[in-house]
Amino acid sequence: MGCPARIGTMIFVVSFVASIAFMASESAAAERNQEANAPQSPVSPEDSLKYLHVLPGMRVELVAAEPLIRDPVAFDWGADGKLWGVE
């Protein structure tokens, strides 16, 4: 039998290497999925809506785009339900 400290070190090293390999494979898979779904060139604000995934029963509306608003720094909902933007 080997030294318990040495066995513990070996288990740690094997676990560490396995976790690094797993994270690398997950990262590569996520990158491939993102590349497959992403548009290859810039699209209009209206066309970009089709790349969003929402839960059934929910909807996404385009409420502001260039040139109406150029450099937004904040958005907030008012008490009256209106969306306010600051540029």
Foldseek 3Di string as FASTA:
>chain_A
DDDPVVVVVVVVVVVVVVVVVVVVVVVVVVVVVCVVLDDPDDDDPVVVLVSDDDDPPDHDDDDDDPPRDDDWDDWDADPVRDIDTDD
